[in-house]
Amino acid sequence: MSIFTHEPMTNHHTPGLLNQVGETLHVWWERYERRRELSQWTERDLHDIGMSRSDIVFETEKPFWRA
């Protein structure tokens, strides 16, 4: 049996890596969207969930990659 084969070289880690990158991008997009929506809530909405405008400012000023 020869150690040389004519099989194409494939990276078996690529599908997992691409899935992981895709999931990360999805999480980042969701954070961005939620924070953008939260920034548009009224004072009454915020009062109903027990948050102040300063809480929202703190949250919405975070970069999308930070939880």
N, C-alpha and C. Protein backbone atom coordinates (compact mmCIF):
# COMPACT_ATOMS: atom_id res chain seq x y z
N MET A 1 0.84 -1.19 0.00
CA MET A 1 0.00 0.00 0.00
C MET A 1 0.88 1.25 0.00
N SER A 2 0.58 2.18 -0.86
CA SER A 2 1.36 3.38 -0.99
C SER A 2 0.86 4.46 -0.04
N ILE A 3 1.76 5.30 0.43
CA ILE A 3 1.35 6.41 1.29
C ILE A 3 0.88 7.59 0.45
N PHE A 4 1.11 7.51 -0.84
CA PHE A 4 0.69 8.57 -1.73
C PHE A 4 -0.69 8.26 -2.27
N THR A 5 -1.60 9.17 -2.13
CA THR A 5 -2.94 8.97 -2.66
C THR A 5 -3.29 10.12 -3.59
N HIS A 6 -4.28 9.91 -4.36
CA HIS A 6 -4.71 10.94 -5.29
C HIS A 6 -6.00 11.61 -4.81
N GLU A 7 -6.31 11.45 -3.55
CA GLU A 7 -7.49 12.09 -2.99
C GLU A 7 -7.21 13.58 -2.81
N PRO A 8 -8.19 14.39 -3.10
CA PRO A 8 -7.97 15.83 -2.88
C PRO A 8 -7.80 16.12 -1.40
N MET A 9 -6.98 17.11 -1.11
CA MET A 9 -6.79 17.50 0.29
C MET A 9 -8.02 18.28 0.73
N THR A 10 -8.60 17.86 1.82
CA THR A 10 -9.77 18.56 2.34
C THR A 10 -9.52 18.94 3.79
N ASN A 11 -10.05 20.05 4.16
CA ASN A 11 -9.96 20.50 5.53
C ASN A 11 -11.26 20.10 6.22
N HIS A 12 -11.17 19.15 7.11
CA HIS A 12 -12.37 18.65 7.79
C HIS A 12 -12.84 19.58 8.89
N HIS A 13 -12.08 20.62 9.19
CA HIS A 13 -12.46 21.57 10.24
C HIS A 13 -13.28 22.73 9.67
N THR A 14 -13.27 22.90 8.38
CA THR A 14 -13.95 24.05 7.77
C THR A 14 -15.43 24.11 8.08
N PRO A 15 -16.20 23.03 7.90
CA PRO A 15 -17.64 23.15 8.19
C PRO A 15 -17.92 23.59 9.63
N GLY A 16 -17.18 23.06 10.58
CA GLY A 16 -17.37 23.46 11.98
C GLY A 16 -17.00 24.90 12.21
N LEU A 17 -15.92 25.31 11.59
CA LEU A 17 -15.46 26.69 11.73
C LEU A 17 -16.46 27.65 11.09
N LEU A 18 -16.94 27.32 9.91
CA LEU A 18 -17.92 28.18 9.24
C LEU A 18 -19.21 28.27 10.05
N ASN A 19 -19.64 27.16 10.62
CA ASN A 19 -20.84 27.19 11.47
C ASN A 19 -20.63 28.08 12.68
N GLN A 20 -19.45 27.97 13.27
CA GLN A 20 -19.15 28.77 14.46
C GLN A 20 -19.12 30.26 14.11
N VAL A 21 -18.51 30.60 12.99
CA VAL A 21 -18.48 32.00 12.56
C VAL A 21 -19.90 32.49 12.28
N GLY A 22 -20.69 31.66 11.61
CA GLY A 22 -22.07 32.03 11.33
C GLY A 22 -22.88 32.26 12.59
N GLU A 23 -22.70 31.38 13.57
CA GLU A 23 -23.43 31.53 14.84
C GLU A 23 -23.01 32.80 15.56
N THR A 24 -21.71 33.10 15.54
CA THR A 24 -21.21 34.31 16.19
C THR A 24 -21.79 35.56 15.52
N LEU A 25 -21.78 35.57 14.20
CA LEU A 25 -22.36 36.71 13.48
C LEU A 25 -23.84 36.86 13.77
N HIS A 26 -24.54 35.75 13.91
CA HIS A 26 -25.98 35.79 14.24
C HIS A 26 -26.19 36.39 15.63
N VAL A 27 -25.40 35.97 16.60
CA VAL A 27 -25.52 36.50 17.96
C VAL A 27 -25.24 38.00 17.96
N TRP A 28 -24.19 38.41 17.24
CA TRP A 28 -23.87 39.83 17.18
C TRP A 28 -24.99 40.63 16.56
N TRP A 29 -25.59 40.12 15.49
CA TRP A 29 -26.69 40.82 14.83
C TRP A 29 -27.90 40.93 15.77
N GLU A 30 -28.19 39.84 16.48
CA GLU A 30 -29.32 39.86 17.43
C GLU A 30 -29.09 40.89 18.52
N ARG A 31 -27.87 40.96 19.04
CA ARG A 31 -27.57 41.97 20.07
C ARG A 31 -27.77 43.37 19.53
N TYR A 32 -27.27 43.61 18.35
CA TYR A 32 -27.41 44.93 17.72
C TYR A 32 -28.89 45.29 17.57
N GLU A 33 -29.67 44.36 17.05
CA GLU A 33 -31.09 44.61 16.83
C GLU A 33 -31.83 44.85 18.15
N ARG A 34 -31.57 44.02 19.16
CA ARG A 34 -32.25 44.18 20.45
C ARG A 34 -31.90 45.51 21.10
N ARG A 35 -30.64 45.89 21.04
CA ARG A 35 -30.23 47.16 21.65
C ARG A 35 -30.82 48.34 20.90
N ARG A 36 -30.88 48.24 19.58
CA ARG A 36 -31.48 49.32 18.78
C ARG A 36 -32.96 49.46 19.12
N GLU A 37 -33.64 48.34 19.23
CA GLU A 37 -35.07 48.37 19.59
C GLU A 37 -35.26 48.92 20.99
N LEU A 38 -34.43 48.48 21.92
CA LEU A 38 -34.54 48.93 23.31
C LEU A 38 -34.35 50.44 23.42
N SER A 39 -33.48 50.99 22.59
CA SER A 39 -33.23 52.44 22.64
C SER A 39 -34.45 53.25 22.23
N GLN A 40 -35.41 52.62 21.58
CA GLN A 40 -36.60 53.33 21.11
C GLN A 40 -37.80 53.18 22.05
N TRP A 41 -37.63 52.46 23.13
CA TRP A 41 -38.73 52.26 24.06
C TRP A 41 -39.06 53.57 24.78
N THR A 42 -40.32 53.70 25.17
CA THR A 42 -40.77 54.89 25.90
C THR A 42 -40.42 54.75 27.38
N GLU A 43 -40.53 55.87 28.08
CA GLU A 43 -40.29 55.85 29.54
C GLU A 43 -41.25 54.87 30.23
N ARG A 44 -42.47 54.83 29.76
CA ARG A 44 -43.45 53.92 30.36
C ARG A 44 -43.05 52.46 30.14
N ASP A 45 -42.62 52.14 28.92
CA ASP A 45 -42.16 50.78 28.64
C ASP A 45 -41.02 50.40 29.58
N LEU A 46 -40.07 51.30 29.75
CA LEU A 46 -38.92 51.04 30.61
C LEU A 46 -39.36 50.88 32.07
N HIS A 47 -40.30 51.72 32.50
CA HIS A 47 -40.81 51.61 33.86
C HIS A 47 -41.45 50.24 34.08
N ASP A 48 -42.17 49.76 33.08
CA ASP A 48 -42.85 48.46 33.19
C ASP A 48 -41.87 47.31 33.40
N ILE A 49 -40.66 47.43 32.85
CA ILE A 49 -39.68 46.34 33.02
C ILE A 49 -38.65 46.67 34.10
N GLY A 50 -38.83 47.82 34.76
CA GLY A 50 -37.96 48.18 35.87
C GLY A 50 -36.59 48.69 35.46
N MET A 51 -36.51 49.35 34.31
CA MET A 51 -35.24 49.90 33.87
C MET A 51 -35.37 51.40 33.70
N SER A 52 -34.25 52.10 33.88
CA SER A 52 -34.24 53.55 33.70
C SER A 52 -33.60 53.87 32.35
N ARG A 53 -33.75 55.12 31.94
CA ARG A 53 -33.14 55.55 30.69
C ARG A 53 -31.62 55.40 30.76
N SER A 54 -31.02 55.65 31.93
CA SER A 54 -29.56 55.50 32.06
C SER A 54 -29.14 54.04 31.91
N ASP A 55 -29.98 53.11 32.38
CA ASP A 55 -29.70 51.68 32.16
C ASP A 55 -29.66 51.37 30.67
N ILE A 56 -30.59 51.95 29.95
CA ILE A 56 -30.69 51.70 28.51
C ILE A 56 -29.50 52.32 27.79
N VAL A 57 -29.13 53.53 28.17
CA VAL A 57 -27.97 54.18 27.55
C VAL A 57 -26.73 53.33 27.77
N PHE A 58 -26.54 52.84 28.99
CA PHE A 58 -25.40 51.98 29.28
C PHE A 58 -25.41 50.74 28.39
N GLU A 59 -26.55 50.13 28.24
CA GLU A 59 -26.67 48.92 27.42
C GLU A 59 -26.46 49.20 25.94
N THR A 60 -27.07 50.25 25.44
CA THR A 60 -27.01 50.52 24.00
C THR A 60 -25.66 51.07 23.55
N GLU A 61 -24.87 51.56 24.47
CA GLU A 61 -23.55 52.07 24.09
C GLU A 61 -22.49 50.97 24.03
N LYS A 62 -22.84 49.77 24.46
CA LYS A 62 -21.90 48.66 24.37
C LYS A 62 -21.71 48.27 22.90
N PRO A 63 -20.51 47.86 22.54
CA PRO A 63 -20.31 47.34 21.18
C PRO A 63 -21.08 46.03 21.02
N PHE A 64 -21.46 45.73 19.78
CA PHE A 64 -22.29 44.54 19.52
C PHE A 64 -21.62 43.25 19.94
N TRP A 65 -20.31 43.22 20.00
CA TRP A 65 -19.62 41.97 20.35
C TRP A 65 -19.55 41.74 21.85
N ARG A 66 -19.92 42.74 22.64
CA ARG A 66 -19.87 42.60 24.09
C ARG A 66 -21.25 42.23 24.63
N ALA A 67 -21.30 41.18 25.43
CA ALA A 67 -22.58 40.74 26.01
C ALA A 67 -23.00 41.64 27.15
